[in-house]
């Protein structure tokens, strides 16, 4: 007598950014699931029988090994580290944690805006030298905050900027009205948008359309008193043009959390420019961000099990 083949268990492989209770919470939704937690360095060797993988990165080699893979949950809001050519061609569905870091990213941008307006680097240098140095500081009130990208983090930043009595303008693909924005521009009006902004904040995803969209022409269109802040993807600005803009004072200063190359190399000029504040891409790094990302994954797992449409499904061609 030939025995019927045994059903293959639902294998879920989790790499990084999982709260301690996540395996138990997965089991509450899918009791039969085989939940495997691995370090990122060990992920490639753990995906052979995986049907679901939650991670920040998945190599093309791992994708080729994962013959049963149907769905990848990116822990990142921007799933660029997963969307290599092999993944774009693959039928595997990709979802993101879009929106999980909106609150801390907006708070980080406000912090950088205030530090630049109030000359915090010079104040901290004076404190370190025990030097009583009075400086002229600026205010955010009455200034125009220009936000490139009106998604979750851009919208949360717009709401916070309005509480500082700022005028808020946005840039996105379509000129539809957006909550908390006084005006929305399309990419065709980028130079006009930049010329009106006292602070330009990059909140957009990195795509073929946004990569390198800010170059010499764009930085020269900004006010010489303007500040540039980036917390989403550093490659949206051309690094050489940005360095020249800061060194030659086309703009007044920058707060850089996201960088074109990460980690930022020790010999990068941005470390030592006196009008630049560098942070190591930590704008969204908070326990609450991890919790919100885990909640997104669990909601998607419920939907996956009940064959409902998943949330935050990534358009592989668009890149987000």
Protein backbone atom coordinates (compact mmCIF):
# COMPACT_ATOMS: atom_id res chain seq x y z
CA UNK A 1 0.00 0.00 0.00
CA UNK A 2 1.37 3.38 -1.06
CA UNK A 3 1.15 6.01 1.67
CA UNK A 4 -0.27 9.38 0.76
CA UNK A 5 2.34 12.17 0.83
CA UNK A 6 2.37 14.13 4.05
CA UNK A 7 1.40 17.79 3.81
CA UNK A 8 4.37 20.13 3.92
CA UNK A 9 4.26 22.36 7.01
CA UNK A 10 4.07 26.12 6.65
CA UNK A 11 7.66 27.21 7.22
CA UNK A 12 8.19 30.84 8.19
CA UNK A 13 11.76 32.09 8.42
CA UNK A 14 12.36 35.30 10.39
CA UNK A 15 15.61 37.25 10.18
CA UNK A 16 16.10 40.31 12.37
CA UNK A 17 13.75 42.94 13.85
CA UNK A 18 11.52 40.45 15.63
CA UNK A 19 10.26 41.23 19.12
CA UNK A 20 10.61 38.35 21.60
CA UNK A 21 6.89 37.56 21.49
CA UNK A 22 6.67 37.32 17.69
CA UNK A 23 7.07 33.50 17.38
CA UNK A 24 4.26 32.98 19.90
CA UNK A 25 2.05 35.50 18.11
CA UNK A 26 2.70 33.74 14.79
CA UNK A 27 1.68 30.43 16.37
CA UNK A 28 -1.58 31.97 17.57
CA UNK A 29 -2.44 32.78 13.96
CA UNK A 30 -0.93 29.65 12.35
CA UNK A 31 -0.58 26.88 14.97
CA UNK A 32 0.86 24.44 12.43
CA UNK A 33 3.63 26.81 11.33
CA UNK A 34 7.28 25.88 11.65
CA UNK A 35 8.79 29.19 12.78
CA UNK A 36 12.55 29.55 12.32
CA UNK A 37 14.51 32.53 13.68
CA UNK A 38 17.95 33.06 12.14
CA UNK A 39 20.68 35.69 12.07
CA UNK A 40 20.94 37.63 8.82
CA UNK A 41 24.28 35.97 8.06
CA UNK A 42 22.62 32.53 8.26
CA UNK A 43 19.52 33.38 6.22
CA UNK A 44 20.69 31.96 2.89
CA UNK A 45 21.09 28.50 4.39
CA UNK A 46 17.68 28.51 6.10
CA UNK A 47 15.30 29.34 3.25
CA UNK A 48 15.26 26.07 1.26
CA UNK A 49 11.81 24.99 2.48
CA UNK A 50 10.48 28.40 3.47
CA UNK A 51 7.11 29.55 2.20
CA UNK A 52 7.32 32.93 3.96
CA UNK A 53 10.42 34.96 4.80
CA UNK A 54 10.52 38.16 6.87
CA UNK A 55 13.82 40.00 6.49
CA UNK A 56 15.57 43.19 5.43
CA UNK A 57 17.71 41.53 2.74
CA UNK A 58 17.33 38.42 0.60
CA UNK A 59 20.05 37.65 -1.92
CA UNK A 60 19.40 36.38 -5.42
CA UNK A 61 21.22 33.16 -4.44
CA UNK A 62 18.85 32.65 -1.51
CA UNK A 63 15.86 33.34 -3.73
CA UNK A 64 17.04 30.66 -6.13
CA UNK A 65 17.37 28.16 -3.27
CA UNK A 66 13.94 28.96 -1.83
CA UNK A 67 11.93 26.83 -4.25
CA UNK A 68 8.75 26.95 -2.12
CA UNK A 69 8.88 30.67 -1.37
CA UNK A 70 5.65 32.57 -2.02
CA UNK A 71 5.90 35.75 0.04
CA UNK A 72 8.66 37.98 1.42
CA UNK A 73 7.88 40.56 4.09
CA UNK A 74 10.47 43.33 4.13
CA UNK A 75 11.06 44.81 7.58
CA UNK A 76 11.98 48.06 5.82
CA UNK A 77 9.58 50.69 4.54
CA UNK A 78 11.72 50.92 1.39
CA UNK A 79 12.43 47.36 0.19
CA UNK A 80 15.37 48.28 -2.07
CA UNK A 81 17.63 45.62 -0.53
CA UNK A 82 15.20 42.92 -1.67
CA UNK A 83 14.27 44.23 -5.11
CA UNK A 84 17.22 42.94 -7.12
CA UNK A 85 16.65 41.85 -10.72
CA UNK A 86 15.99 38.23 -9.76
CA UNK A 87 13.25 39.28 -7.35
CA UNK A 88 11.69 41.61 -9.91
CA UNK A 89 11.42 38.70 -12.34
CA UNK A 90 10.18 36.29 -9.69
CA UNK A 91 6.50 35.54 -8.99
CA UNK A 92 7.23 35.84 -5.25
CA UNK A 93 5.09 38.54 -3.63
CA UNK A 94 6.88 41.27 -1.66
CA UNK A 95 5.29 43.39 1.06
CA UNK A 96 6.89 46.20 3.02
CA UNK A 97 6.57 47.86 6.42
CA UNK A 98 5.61 51.15 4.81
CA UNK A 99 4.50 53.57 7.50
CA UNK A 100 6.07 51.84 10.49
CA UNK A 101 8.78 54.48 10.89
CA UNK A 102 6.81 57.60 10.00
CA UNK A 103 6.64 58.96 13.55
CA UNK A 104 10.35 58.72 14.50
CA UNK A 105 11.44 59.85 11.02
CA UNK A 106 9.33 62.99 11.30
CA UNK A 107 10.65 63.61 14.81
CA UNK A 108 14.22 63.15 13.57
CA UNK A 109 13.64 65.66 10.78
CA UNK A 110 12.24 68.19 13.24
CA UNK A 111 15.28 67.66 15.47
CA UNK A 112 17.64 68.32 12.55
CA UNK A 113 15.64 71.35 11.47
CA UNK A 114 15.88 72.84 14.96
CA UNK A 115 19.58 71.98 15.34
CA UNK A 116 20.40 73.69 12.06
CA UNK A 117 18.20 76.72 12.75
CA UNK A 118 19.71 77.16 16.22
CA UNK A 119 23.31 76.40 15.23
CA UNK A 120 23.53 73.42 17.56
CA UNK A 121 26.92 72.19 16.23
CA UNK A 122 28.55 75.52 17.11
CA UNK A 123 26.84 75.56 20.50
CA UNK A 124 28.07 72.04 21.29
CA UNK A 125 31.59 72.93 20.15
CA UNK A 126 31.51 75.98 22.43
CA UNK A 127 30.31 73.83 25.33
CA UNK A 128 33.11 71.33 24.71
CA UNK A 129 35.60 74.21 24.79
CA UNK A 130 33.89 75.79 27.85
CA UNK A 131 33.46 78.92 25.79
CA UNK A 132 30.54 81.33 26.42
CA UNK A 133 29.63 82.10 22.80
CA UNK A 134 26.44 83.98 22.00
CA UNK A 135 25.03 83.19 18.56
CA UNK A 136 22.19 84.47 16.44
CA UNK A 137 19.58 81.76 16.06
CA UNK A 138 16.68 81.36 13.65
CA UNK A 139 13.07 80.26 14.07
CA UNK A 140 11.00 77.70 12.20
CA UNK A 141 7.83 79.75 12.53
CA UNK A 142 6.94 81.48 9.27
CA UNK A 143 9.42 79.42 7.25
CA UNK A 144 8.46 77.15 4.35
CA UNK A 145 9.11 73.44 4.76
CA UNK A 146 9.30 71.66 1.40
CA UNK A 147 8.84 67.89 1.65
CA UNK A 148 9.77 65.62 -1.26
CA UNK A 149 7.40 62.67 -0.87
CA UNK A 150 3.96 62.94 0.70
CA UNK A 151 3.64 59.38 1.99
CA UNK A 152 3.37 58.29 5.62
CA UNK A 153 6.54 59.95 6.91
CA UNK A 154 6.12 63.03 4.75
CA UNK A 155 2.56 63.49 5.95
CA UNK A 156 3.50 63.03 9.60
CA UNK A 157 6.30 65.56 9.19
CA UNK A 158 3.89 68.01 7.51
CA UNK A 159 1.54 67.73 10.49
CA UNK A 160 4.38 68.35 12.94
CA UNK A 161 5.76 71.24 10.89
CA UNK A 162 2.34 72.92 10.91
CA UNK A 163 2.43 72.82 14.71
CA UNK A 164 5.59 74.97 14.46
CA UNK A 165 3.60 77.48 12.39
CA UNK A 166 5.45 76.63 9.20
CA UNK A 167 4.06 76.81 5.69
CA UNK A 168 4.29 73.30 4.23
CA UNK A 169 4.57 72.42 0.55
CA UNK A 170 5.02 68.98 -0.96
CA UNK A 171 6.34 67.35 -4.11
CA UNK A 172 4.81 64.18 -5.53
CA UNK A 173 3.89 62.59 -8.83
CA UNK A 174 0.32 63.92 -8.91
CA UNK A 175 -0.88 67.37 -7.86
CA UNK A 176 -3.77 66.11 -5.76
CA UNK A 177 -4.40 67.88 -2.44
CA UNK A 178 -2.74 66.24 0.59
CA UNK A 179 -3.56 66.53 4.28
CA UNK A 180 -1.46 69.11 6.18
CA UNK A 181 0.11 70.49 2.97
CA UNK A 182 -0.61 74.06 1.89
CA UNK A 183 0.35 73.27 -1.70
CA UNK A 184 1.48 70.25 -3.69
CA UNK A 185 3.85 70.45 -6.66
CA UNK A 186 4.59 67.85 -9.35
CA UNK A 187 8.13 66.94 -10.50
CA UNK A 188 7.79 69.26 -13.49
CA UNK A 189 7.75 72.19 -11.03
CA UNK A 190 10.69 70.93 -8.97
CA UNK A 191 12.80 74.08 -9.36
CA UNK A 192 9.90 76.32 -8.32
CA UNK A 193 9.27 74.04 -5.32
CA UNK A 194 12.93 74.23 -4.28
CA UNK A 195 13.14 77.99 -4.70
CA UNK A 196 10.23 78.50 -2.31
CA UNK A 197 11.54 76.20 0.43
CA UNK A 198 13.52 77.32 3.48
CA UNK A 199 14.00 73.68 4.42
CA UNK A 200 13.96 70.84 1.88
CA UNK A 201 13.29 67.41 3.39
CA UNK A 202 13.68 64.21 1.37
CA UNK A 203 11.09 61.64 2.39
CA UNK A 204 10.63 59.87 -0.95
CA UNK A 205 11.46 56.30 -1.89
CA UNK A 206 14.50 55.55 -4.05
CA UNK A 207 13.29 54.63 -7.54
CA UNK A 208 14.56 54.94 -11.08
CA UNK A 209 12.75 58.29 -11.23
CA UNK A 210 14.07 59.72 -7.94
CA UNK A 211 17.68 58.47 -8.03
CA UNK A 212 19.94 61.48 -8.52
CA UNK A 213 17.01 63.85 -8.99
CA UNK A 214 18.80 66.55 -6.97
CA UNK A 215 21.95 67.71 -8.71
CA UNK A 216 23.80 70.98 -9.28
CA UNK A 217 20.90 72.71 -11.03
CA UNK A 218 18.52 71.78 -8.22
CA UNK A 219 20.79 72.81 -5.35
CA UNK A 220 21.55 76.10 -7.08
CA UNK A 221 17.79 76.71 -7.29
CA UNK A 222 17.54 76.63 -3.48
CA UNK A 223 17.89 79.72 -1.31
CA UNK A 224 21.40 80.38 0.04
CA UNK A 225 19.80 80.43 3.50
CA UNK A 226 18.03 77.07 2.99
CA UNK A 227 18.77 73.81 4.76
CA UNK A 228 18.66 70.32 3.22
CA UNK A 229 17.57 67.27 5.21
CA UNK A 230 17.47 63.66 4.04
CA UNK A 231 16.08 60.77 6.05
CA UNK A 232 14.83 58.36 3.38
CA UNK A 233 17.45 57.49 0.74
CA UNK A 234 20.71 59.37 0.26
CA UNK A 235 21.09 58.50 -3.42
CA UNK A 236 18.18 60.79 -4.29
CA UNK A 237 20.79 63.56 -4.23
CA UNK A 238 24.01 63.50 -6.24
CA UNK A 239 26.70 63.38 -3.49
CA UNK A 240 29.20 65.48 -5.44
CA UNK A 241 26.66 68.21 -6.13
CA UNK A 242 25.54 68.19 -2.51
CA UNK A 243 29.12 68.51 -1.27
CA UNK A 244 29.75 71.48 -3.57
CA UNK A 245 26.48 73.09 -2.52
CA UNK A 246 27.54 72.92 1.12
CA UNK A 247 31.21 73.76 0.65
CA UNK A 248 30.55 76.68 -1.69
CA UNK A 249 27.54 77.90 0.33
CA UNK A 250 24.90 77.52 -2.38
CA UNK A 251 22.84 76.41 0.64
CA UNK A 252 23.35 77.09 4.33
CA UNK A 253 23.58 73.59 5.74
CA UNK A 254 22.35 70.00 5.81
CA UNK A 255 21.16 67.30 8.18
CA UNK A 256 22.00 63.92 6.68
CA UNK A 257 20.60 60.73 8.15
CA UNK A 258 20.46 58.76 4.88
CA UNK A 259 23.56 58.59 2.70
CA UNK A 260 24.34 57.47 -0.85
CA UNK A 261 26.91 55.00 0.54
CA UNK A 262 26.30 53.36 3.92
CA UNK A 263 28.03 53.13 6.27
CA UNK A 264 29.31 56.59 5.42
CA UNK A 265 33.04 56.08 4.66
CA UNK A 266 35.49 57.61 7.16
CA UNK A 267 37.01 59.74 4.38
CA UNK A 268 33.66 61.23 3.35
CA UNK A 269 33.80 65.03 3.36
CA UNK A 270 30.39 65.22 4.99
CA UNK A 271 31.89 64.20 8.35
CA UNK A 272 33.95 67.36 8.63
CA UNK A 273 31.95 70.03 6.85
CA UNK A 274 31.06 72.59 9.54
CA UNK A 275 27.55 73.17 8.19
CA UNK A 276 26.56 69.49 8.17
CA UNK A 277 25.02 67.28 10.85
CA UNK A 278 25.58 63.56 10.18
CA UNK A 279 23.55 60.81 11.82
CA UNK A 280 24.00 57.09 10.95
CA UNK A 281 20.61 56.35 9.34
CA UNK A 282 18.89 55.93 12.69
CA UNK A 283 15.85 58.13 12.07
CA UNK A 284 13.44 55.20 12.25
CA UNK A 285 15.37 53.05 14.74
CA UNK A 286 13.09 52.77 17.75
CA UNK A 287 11.39 49.91 19.62
CA UNK A 288 8.05 51.30 18.51
CA UNK A 289 9.09 51.06 14.85
CA UNK A 290 9.93 47.38 15.34
CA UNK A 291 6.58 46.81 17.05
CA UNK A 292 4.65 48.49 14.24
CA UNK A 293 6.57 46.44 11.66
CA UNK A 294 5.82 43.21 13.52
CA UNK A 295 2.15 44.20 13.69
CA UNK A 296 2.09 44.77 9.92
CA UNK A 297 3.58 41.31 9.37
CA UNK A 298 1.07 39.67 11.70
CA UNK A 299 -1.85 41.39 9.98
CA UNK A 300 -0.52 40.19 6.64
CA UNK A 301 -0.10 36.67 7.99
CA UNK A 302 -3.77 36.66 9.04
CA UNK A 303 -4.71 37.81 5.56
CA UNK A 304 -2.40 35.26 3.94
CA UNK A 305 -3.97 32.44 5.92
CA UNK A 306 -7.52 33.52 5.05
CA UNK A 307 -6.63 34.26 1.40
CA UNK A 308 -7.39 37.96 1.71
CA UNK A 309 -5.42 40.69 -0.10
CA UNK A 310 -2.27 41.66 1.77
CA UNK A 311 -1.45 45.24 2.77
CA UNK A 312 1.66 47.18 1.70
CA UNK A 313 2.15 45.03 -1.40
CA UNK A 314 5.20 46.31 -3.30
CA UNK A 315 5.00 47.21 -6.97
CA UNK A 316 8.30 45.64 -8.04
CA UNK A 317 8.58 47.85 -11.11
CA UNK A 318 7.87 51.08 -9.23
CA UNK A 319 10.14 50.05 -6.34
CA UNK A 320 7.73 50.68 -3.46
